């Protein structure tokens, strides 16, 4: 396939990292937080995870996409660079909202078989 469109403008919101993906108390994000923390990511070092997501999307091609009423959703699979060097395989989901040019991070899902 291809790379994420407008990859140079990709947005990884601090709130998405702090309040969802690295929040062990979040109703839907708790398991993701525990997963990420096993690989050395931590709420007090949000920039490290932001950099890992951006490196992930630059290194990997789109593995799937779909449309909804709000825009285009892109899935990108591959290794997530981690400080401990184990680099788990994850699917990172991005969305390019209708009328926007910058894709934004939606979520991350661990891929089975390699974590």
C-alpha atoms as a PDB file:
ATOM      1  CA  UNK A   1       0.000   0.000   0.000  1.00  0.00           C
ATOM      2  CA  UNK A   2       1.147   3.535   0.743  1.00  0.00           C
ATOM      3  CA  UNK A   3       2.221   5.749   3.602  1.00  0.00           C
ATOM      4  CA  UNK A   4      -0.208   7.777   5.691  1.00  0.00           C
ATOM      5  CA  UNK A   5      -1.226  10.922   3.767  1.00  0.00           C
ATOM      6  CA  UNK A   6       0.295  14.173   5.027  1.00  0.00           C
ATOM      7  CA  UNK A   7       2.471  12.199   7.413  1.00  0.00           C
ATOM      8  CA  UNK A   8       4.608  15.276   8.106  1.00  0.00           C
ATOM      9  CA  UNK A   9       1.533  16.929   9.681  1.00  0.00           C
ATOM     10  CA  UNK A  10       0.419  13.945  11.790  1.00  0.00           C
ATOM     11  CA  UNK A  11      -1.004  14.970  15.170  1.00  0.00           C
ATOM     12  CA  UNK A  12      -0.550  13.011  18.383  1.00  0.00           C
ATOM     13  CA  UNK A  13      -2.567  14.905  20.995  1.00  0.00           C
ATOM     14  CA  UNK A  14      -1.161  15.051  24.518  1.00  0.00           C
ATOM     15  CA  UNK A  15      -4.608  14.360  25.973  1.00  0.00           C
ATOM     16  CA  UNK A  16      -4.890  11.170  23.881  1.00  0.00           C
ATOM     17  CA  UNK A  17      -1.648   9.918  25.410  1.00  0.00           C
ATOM     18  CA  UNK A  18      -2.125  11.154  28.976  1.00  0.00           C
ATOM     19  CA  UNK A  19      -5.865  10.598  29.463  1.00  0.00           C
ATOM     20  CA  UNK A  20      -6.366   7.457  27.363  1.00  0.00           C
ATOM     21  CA  UNK A  21      -3.389   5.404  26.178  1.00  0.00           C
ATOM     22  CA  UNK A  22      -1.266   5.823  29.324  1.00  0.00           C
ATOM     23  CA  UNK A  23      -4.110   6.004  31.842  1.00  0.00           C
ATOM     24  CA  UNK A  24      -4.451   2.747  33.811  1.00  0.00           C
ATOM     25  CA  UNK A  25      -7.765   4.011  35.244  1.00  0.00           C
ATOM     26  CA  UNK A  26      -9.428   4.691  31.875  1.00  0.00           C
ATOM     27  CA  UNK A  27     -12.430   2.381  31.244  1.00  0.00           C
ATOM     28  CA  UNK A  28     -11.310   1.447  27.703  1.00  0.00           C
ATOM     29  CA  UNK A  29      -7.652   2.470  27.787  1.00  0.00           C
ATOM     30  CA  UNK A  30      -6.501   0.670  30.940  1.00  0.00           C
ATOM     31  CA  UNK A  31      -5.383  -2.511  29.147  1.00  0.00           C
ATOM     32  CA  UNK A  32      -3.542  -0.423  26.539  1.00  0.00           C
ATOM     33  CA  UNK A  33      -1.833   1.542  29.301  1.00  0.00           C
ATOM     34  CA  UNK A  34      -0.682  -1.642  31.027  1.00  0.00           C
ATOM     35  CA  UNK A  35       0.573  -2.995  27.686  1.00  0.00           C
ATOM     36  CA  UNK A  36       2.538   0.169  26.853  1.00  0.00           C
ATOM     37  CA  UNK A  37       3.985   0.455  30.358  1.00  0.00           C
ATOM     38  CA  UNK A  38       5.362  -3.095  30.063  1.00  0.00           C
ATOM     39  CA  UNK A  39       7.621  -1.729  27.323  1.00  0.00           C
ATOM     40  CA  UNK A  40       8.871   1.248  29.333  1.00  0.00           C
ATOM     41  CA  UNK A  41       6.401   3.942  28.294  1.00  0.00           C
ATOM     42  CA  UNK A  42       5.181   6.123  31.172  1.00  0.00           C
ATOM     43  CA  UNK A  43       2.727   8.985  31.761  1.00  0.00           C
ATOM     44  CA  UNK A  44       5.542  11.255  32.928  1.00  0.00           C
ATOM     45  CA  UNK A  45       7.338  10.837  29.561  1.00  0.00           C
ATOM     46  CA  UNK A  46       4.578  11.533  27.025  1.00  0.00           C
ATOM     47  CA  UNK A  47       7.022  12.823  24.409  1.00  0.00           C
ATOM     48  CA  UNK A  48       8.692   9.412  24.277  1.00  0.00           C
ATOM     49  CA  UNK A  49       5.419   7.734  23.289  1.00  0.00           C
ATOM     50  CA  UNK A  50       4.535  10.552  20.878  1.00  0.00           C
ATOM     51  CA  UNK A  51       7.909  10.086  19.177  1.00  0.00           C
ATOM     52  CA  UNK A  52       7.407   6.318  19.027  1.00  0.00           C
ATOM     53  CA  UNK A  53       4.007   6.694  17.314  1.00  0.00           C
ATOM     54  CA  UNK A  54       5.448   9.145  14.791  1.00  0.00           C
ATOM     55  CA  UNK A  55       8.439   6.868  14.100  1.00  0.00           C
ATOM     56  CA  UNK A  56       6.030   3.920  13.725  1.00  0.00           C
ATOM     57  CA  UNK A  57       3.875   5.672  11.123  1.00  0.00           C
ATOM     58  CA  UNK A  58       6.911   6.912   9.173  1.00  0.00           C
ATOM     59  CA  UNK A  59       8.431   3.411   9.052  1.00  0.00           C
ATOM     60  CA  UNK A  60       5.331   1.463   8.049  1.00  0.00           C
ATOM     61  CA  UNK A  61       2.772   1.488   5.283  1.00  0.00           C
ATOM     62  CA  UNK A  62      -0.995   1.585   5.612  1.00  0.00           C
ATOM     63  CA  UNK A  63      -2.349  -1.932   6.134  1.00  0.00           C
ATOM     64  CA  UNK A  64      -6.015  -0.995   5.801  1.00  0.00           C
ATOM     65  CA  UNK A  65      -8.385   1.933   5.444  1.00  0.00           C
ATOM     66  CA  UNK A  66     -12.090   2.692   5.588  1.00  0.00           C
ATOM     67  CA  UNK A  67     -14.426   5.629   5.225  1.00  0.00           C
ATOM     68  CA  UNK A  68     -17.071   6.888   7.610  1.00  0.00           C
ATOM     69  CA  UNK A  69     -19.231  10.014   7.770  1.00  0.00           C
ATOM     70  CA  UNK A  70     -16.393  11.946   9.416  1.00  0.00           C
ATOM     71  CA  UNK A  71     -13.430  11.042   7.209  1.00  0.00           C
ATOM     72  CA  UNK A  72     -10.975   8.285   6.413  1.00  0.00           C
ATOM     73  CA  UNK A  73      -9.577   5.862   8.980  1.00  0.00           C
ATOM     74  CA  UNK A  74      -6.134   4.378   8.360  1.00  0.00           C
ATOM     75  CA  UNK A  75      -4.577   1.360  10.084  1.00  0.00           C
ATOM     76  CA  UNK A  76      -0.812   1.033  10.251  1.00  0.00           C
ATOM     77  CA  UNK A  77       0.796  -2.189  11.563  1.00  0.00           C
ATOM     78  CA  UNK A  78       4.389  -2.635  12.624  1.00  0.00           C
ATOM     79  CA  UNK A  79       6.899  -2.472  15.446  1.00  0.00           C
ATOM     80  CA  UNK A  80       6.560   0.379  17.937  1.00  0.00           C
ATOM     81  CA  UNK A  81      10.050   1.576  18.898  1.00  0.00           C
ATOM     82  CA  UNK A  82      10.411   1.243  22.673  1.00  0.00           C
ATOM     83  CA  UNK A  83      13.138   2.346  25.049  1.00  0.00           C
ATOM     84  CA  UNK A  84      13.604  -1.209  26.283  1.00  0.00           C
ATOM     85  CA  UNK A  85      14.277  -2.388  22.718  1.00  0.00           C
ATOM     86  CA  UNK A  86      11.573  -5.055  22.607  1.00  0.00           C
ATOM     87  CA  UNK A  87       9.511  -3.030  20.073  1.00  0.00           C
ATOM     88  CA  UNK A  88       6.062  -4.624  20.308  1.00  0.00           C
ATOM     89  CA  UNK A  89       4.029  -5.089  17.142  1.00  0.00           C
ATOM     90  CA  UNK A  90       0.971  -2.867  17.232  1.00  0.00           C
ATOM     91  CA  UNK A  91      -1.744  -1.490  15.001  1.00  0.00           C
ATOM     92  CA  UNK A  92      -1.972   2.289  15.206  1.00  0.00           C
ATOM     93  CA  UNK A  93      -5.190   3.852  13.953  1.00  0.00           C
ATOM     94  CA  UNK A  94      -5.190   7.325  12.430  1.00  0.00           C
ATOM     95  CA  UNK A  95      -8.021   9.460  11.085  1.00  0.00           C
ATOM     96  CA  UNK A  96      -8.023  12.122   8.419  1.00  0.00           C
ATOM     97  CA  UNK A  97     -11.174  14.115   9.129  1.00  0.00           C
ATOM     98  CA  UNK A  98     -13.188  15.473   6.207  1.00  0.00           C
ATOM     99  CA  UNK A  99     -11.893  18.902   5.240  1.00  0.00           C
ATOM    100  CA  UNK A 100      -8.671  18.547   7.250  1.00  0.00           C
ATOM    101  CA  UNK A 101      -5.119  17.960   6.056  1.00  0.00           C
ATOM    102  CA  UNK A 102      -3.484  16.597   9.237  1.00  0.00           C
ATOM    103  CA  UNK A 103      -4.166  12.973  10.227  1.00  0.00           C
ATOM    104  CA  UNK A 104      -4.666  12.456  13.953  1.00  0.00           C
ATOM    105  CA  UNK A 105      -3.938   9.503  16.214  1.00  0.00           C
ATOM    106  CA  UNK A 106      -7.080   7.644  17.270  1.00  0.00           C
ATOM    107  CA  UNK A 107      -5.834   4.562  19.116  1.00  0.00           C
ATOM    108  CA  UNK A 108      -3.315   1.741  19.343  1.00  0.00           C
ATOM    109  CA  UNK A 109      -4.078  -1.968  19.491  1.00  0.00           C
ATOM    110  CA  UNK A 110      -1.515  -4.645  20.417  1.00  0.00           C
ATOM    111  CA  UNK A 111      -1.147  -7.296  17.712  1.00  0.00           C
ATOM    112  CA  UNK A 112      -1.199 -10.875  18.920  1.00  0.00           C
ATOM    113  CA  UNK A 113       1.779 -13.141  18.687  1.00  0.00           C
ATOM    114  CA  UNK A 114       4.511 -10.618  19.366  1.00  0.00           C
ATOM    115  CA  UNK A 115       4.576  -8.673  22.598  1.00  0.00           C
END
